[in-house]
Amino acid sequence: MAFAIEAWRVRHGRAVAGWLTALAEIEALASLATFAFDQPGTVFPDVLPDAEGPRFEADALAHPLLAADVRVANDVRLGPERQLLLVTGSNMAGKSTLLRTIGVNAVLALAGAPVVARSLRLSRLSIGATLRTTDSLQSGVSRFMAELNRLRAVLALTEGPAGVLFLFDEILH
C-alpha cells in the first residue's frame, strides 16, 4: 500500500493544491447559495463603480444572524455628503449590533451574496473594524496595545485602492 500511495503522490501530488482550492471555492459558493435560499427576504445589492467614490447606502438593513421577529432594521447612509456616522446611546441600546450589521452585510454584499435589507448600494470597500480586540497575557499585549495595533492595521487599509469602511466600537475605552 505504501508503494501505491507513493506512486499516486508522484503522479498527482502537484495537482492536490489546485484541487483543494477548487473545492474551497465550491464550498464557499455553496454556503452563499444556501444562505440565499434560507433567507427568502434578502436582496442582492447594487455594487457601484469605483468612479462614484466610497458609498454605503442601505434601507432597512438588519443583522442576518438575528431572527426576523427580533432584529431591528435601520437605514444607513454614508457617502460624499455624509462621511461619518457617530452612533451614541445607552448601554444595551444596540450600538455594537448596528456596527456589526453594517459590517456583516458589507462582507456578504462584496462576496456576491444577498443582504438582509430592503436595498443596499455600495462601492467596493475595504472593511476595517475594531469591534472586538482582546489582550494576550501570553503575548504580553495589553488590551490598550491590542487596540492600538488594530487601529494601525486599519489605517494601513487607507493606502489601498478601495475606500475604507471604518467600524470603530468604543475606541480606546
Protein backbone atom coordinates (compact mmCIF):
# COMPACT_ATOMS: atom_id res chain seq x y z
CA MET A 1 0.00 0.00 0.00
CA ALA A 2 2.82 2.39 0.84
CA PHE A 3 4.34 1.94 -2.65
CA ALA A 4 0.94 2.51 -4.29
CA ILE A 5 0.33 5.67 -2.24
CA GLU A 6 3.81 6.96 -3.08
CA ALA A 7 3.26 6.27 -6.79
CA TRP A 8 -0.06 8.15 -6.63
CA ARG A 9 1.66 11.07 -4.83
CA VAL A 10 4.36 11.25 -7.52
CA ARG A 11 1.75 11.23 -10.33
CA HIS A 12 -0.83 13.56 -8.77
CA GLY A 13 0.77 15.31 -5.79
CA ARG A 14 1.36 18.62 -7.54
CA ALA A 15 -2.29 18.90 -8.53
CA VAL A 16 -3.64 18.50 -4.98
CA ALA A 17 -3.26 22.21 -4.08
CA GLY A 18 -5.35 23.18 -7.13
CA TRP A 19 -7.96 20.58 -6.26
CA LEU A 20 -8.23 21.90 -2.71
CA THR A 21 -8.51 25.50 -3.97
CA ALA A 22 -11.35 24.49 -6.34
CA LEU A 23 -13.06 22.55 -3.55
CA ALA A 24 -12.79 25.54 -1.20
CA GLU A 25 -14.34 27.83 -3.81
CA ILE A 26 -17.20 25.40 -4.44
CA GLU A 27 -17.84 25.13 -0.70
CA ALA A 28 -17.83 28.92 -0.29
CA LEU A 29 -20.25 29.38 -3.21
CA ALA A 30 -22.49 26.60 -1.87
CA SER A 31 -22.55 28.33 1.52
CA LEU A 32 -23.56 31.65 -0.06
CA ALA A 33 -26.25 29.88 -2.12
CA THR A 34 -27.56 28.13 0.98
CA PHE A 35 -27.71 31.47 2.80
CA ALA A 36 -29.68 32.98 -0.10
CA PHE A 37 -32.09 30.02 -0.10
CA ASP A 38 -32.57 30.03 3.68
CA GLN A 39 -33.17 33.79 3.85
CA PRO A 40 -36.01 34.49 1.39
CA GLY A 41 -36.34 38.14 2.48
CA THR A 42 -32.87 39.07 1.29
CA VAL A 43 -31.96 41.17 -1.73
CA PHE A 44 -28.90 41.30 -3.94
CA PRO A 45 -27.03 44.60 -3.52
CA ASP A 46 -26.01 47.02 -6.22
CA VAL A 47 -22.21 47.28 -6.30
CA LEU A 48 -21.36 50.69 -7.69
CA PRO A 49 -18.45 51.64 -9.96
CA ASP A 50 -15.35 52.91 -8.19
CA ALA A 51 -15.72 56.22 -10.04
CA GLU A 52 -18.68 57.12 -7.79
CA GLY A 53 -16.39 57.11 -4.75
CA PRO A 54 -16.86 55.31 -1.45
CA ARG A 55 -20.52 54.76 -0.69
CA PHE A 56 -22.74 52.62 1.57
CA GLU A 57 -26.48 53.29 1.30
CA ALA A 58 -28.91 50.87 2.90
CA ASP A 59 -32.64 50.86 3.54
CA ALA A 60 -33.99 48.62 6.32
CA LEU A 61 -30.61 46.98 6.94
CA ALA A 62 -30.78 44.18 9.52
CA HIS A 63 -28.46 41.59 11.05
CA PRO A 64 -28.67 38.24 9.23
CA LEU A 65 -27.95 36.17 12.34
CA LEU A 66 -30.83 37.57 14.35
CA ALA A 67 -34.32 36.14 13.98
CA ALA A 68 -36.61 38.23 11.78
CA ASP A 69 -39.06 38.81 14.64
CA VAL A 70 -36.43 40.36 16.95
CA ARG A 71 -33.99 42.14 14.67
CA VAL A 72 -34.24 45.89 14.21
CA ALA A 73 -33.78 47.33 10.73
CA ASN A 74 -32.06 50.68 10.19
CA ASP A 75 -31.37 52.98 7.26
CA VAL A 76 -27.69 53.85 6.85
CA ARG A 77 -26.26 56.49 4.51
CA LEU A 78 -22.54 57.03 4.03
CA GLY A 79 -21.01 58.72 1.01
CA PRO A 80 -19.66 62.04 -0.22
CA GLU A 81 -22.33 64.06 1.60
CA ARG A 82 -22.07 62.09 4.90
CA GLN A 83 -18.71 60.51 5.59
CA LEU A 84 -19.16 59.89 9.30
CA LEU A 85 -21.88 58.21 11.31
CA LEU A 86 -21.44 58.58 15.06
CA VAL A 87 -23.66 56.17 16.98
CA THR A 88 -24.38 57.03 20.60
CA GLY A 89 -26.77 55.70 23.19
CA SER A 90 -27.10 53.94 26.50
CA ASN A 91 -25.70 50.52 27.33
CA MET A 92 -27.50 47.65 25.60
CA ALA A 93 -29.12 50.02 23.09
CA GLY A 94 -27.79 48.16 20.04
CA LYS A 95 -24.83 50.34 19.01
CA SER A 96 -22.41 47.43 18.59
CA THR A 97 -25.09 45.37 16.86
CA LEU A 98 -25.63 48.18 14.34
CA LEU A 99 -21.91 48.30 13.56
CA ARG A 100 -21.80 44.52 13.18
CA THR A 101 -24.91 44.66 10.99
CA ILE A 102 -23.21 47.12 8.65
CA GLY A 103 -20.02 45.07 8.58
CA VAL A 104 -21.53 41.64 8.01
CA ASN A 105 -23.86 42.88 5.27
CA ALA A 106 -20.96 44.68 3.56
CA VAL A 107 -18.94 41.44 3.62
CA LEU A 108 -21.90 39.46 2.24
CA ALA A 109 -22.50 42.05 -0.49
CA LEU A 110 -18.88 42.15 -1.60
CA ALA A 111 -18.75 38.34 -1.63
CA GLY A 112 -21.64 38.28 -4.09
CA ALA A 113 -24.28 37.19 -1.60
CA PRO A 114 -27.67 38.73 -0.87
CA VAL A 115 -28.06 41.00 2.14
CA VAL A 116 -30.72 41.48 4.79
CA ALA A 117 -32.12 44.82 3.69
CA ARG A 118 -34.82 46.36 1.55
CA SER A 119 -31.98 47.71 -0.61
CA LEU A 120 -28.23 48.21 -0.46
CA ARG A 121 -25.99 50.22 -2.76
CA LEU A 122 -22.30 50.21 -2.02
CA SER A 123 -18.97 50.71 -3.68
CA ARG A 124 -16.04 48.35 -3.45
CA LEU A 125 -14.78 48.85 0.10
CA SER A 126 -12.13 47.54 2.43
CA ILE A 127 -13.58 46.93 5.87
CA GLY A 128 -11.57 48.00 8.89
CA ALA A 129 -13.03 47.18 12.28
CA THR A 130 -12.16 47.35 15.94
CA LEU A 131 -15.27 45.59 17.15
CA ARG A 132 -13.54 43.08 19.39
CA THR A 133 -9.95 43.44 20.47
CA THR A 134 -8.54 41.42 23.32
CA ASP A 135 -5.39 41.38 25.36
CA SER A 136 -2.97 38.47 25.48
CA LEU A 137 -1.07 37.60 28.61
CA GLN A 138 0.88 35.01 26.64
CA SER A 139 1.99 37.56 24.02
CA GLY A 140 2.47 40.34 26.56
CA VAL A 141 -0.07 42.60 24.82
CA SER A 142 -2.40 44.72 26.92
CA ARG A 143 -5.90 45.47 25.68
CA PHE A 144 -4.88 49.07 25.05
CA MET A 145 -1.87 47.96 22.98
CA ALA A 146 -4.02 45.44 21.10
CA GLU A 147 -6.40 48.27 20.17
CA LEU A 148 -3.52 50.49 19.03
CA ASN A 149 -2.14 47.65 16.89
CA ARG A 150 -5.56 47.06 15.36
CA LEU A 151 -6.02 50.78 14.65
CA ARG A 152 -2.61 50.83 12.93
CA ALA A 153 -3.66 47.89 10.74
CA VAL A 154 -6.99 49.52 9.89
CA LEU A 155 -5.33 52.81 8.98
CA ALA A 156 -2.97 50.92 6.67
CA LEU A 157 -6.04 49.97 4.62
CA THR A 158 -6.33 53.61 3.54
CA GLU A 159 -3.22 53.12 1.42
CA GLY A 160 -5.05 50.59 -0.74
CA PRO A 161 -7.06 51.23 -3.91
CA ALA A 162 -10.53 50.89 -2.35
CA GLY A 163 -12.37 53.19 0.01
CA VAL A 164 -12.41 52.05 3.64
CA LEU A 165 -15.49 51.41 5.74
CA PHE A 166 -14.29 52.08 9.29
CA LEU A 167 -16.27 50.36 12.05
CA PHE A 168 -14.91 51.50 15.42
CA ASP A 169 -16.67 50.38 18.59
CA GLU A 170 -15.81 52.01 21.93
CA ILE A 171 -12.45 53.07 20.59
CA LEU A 172 -9.69 53.19 23.24
CA HIS A 173 -12.18 52.86 26.05
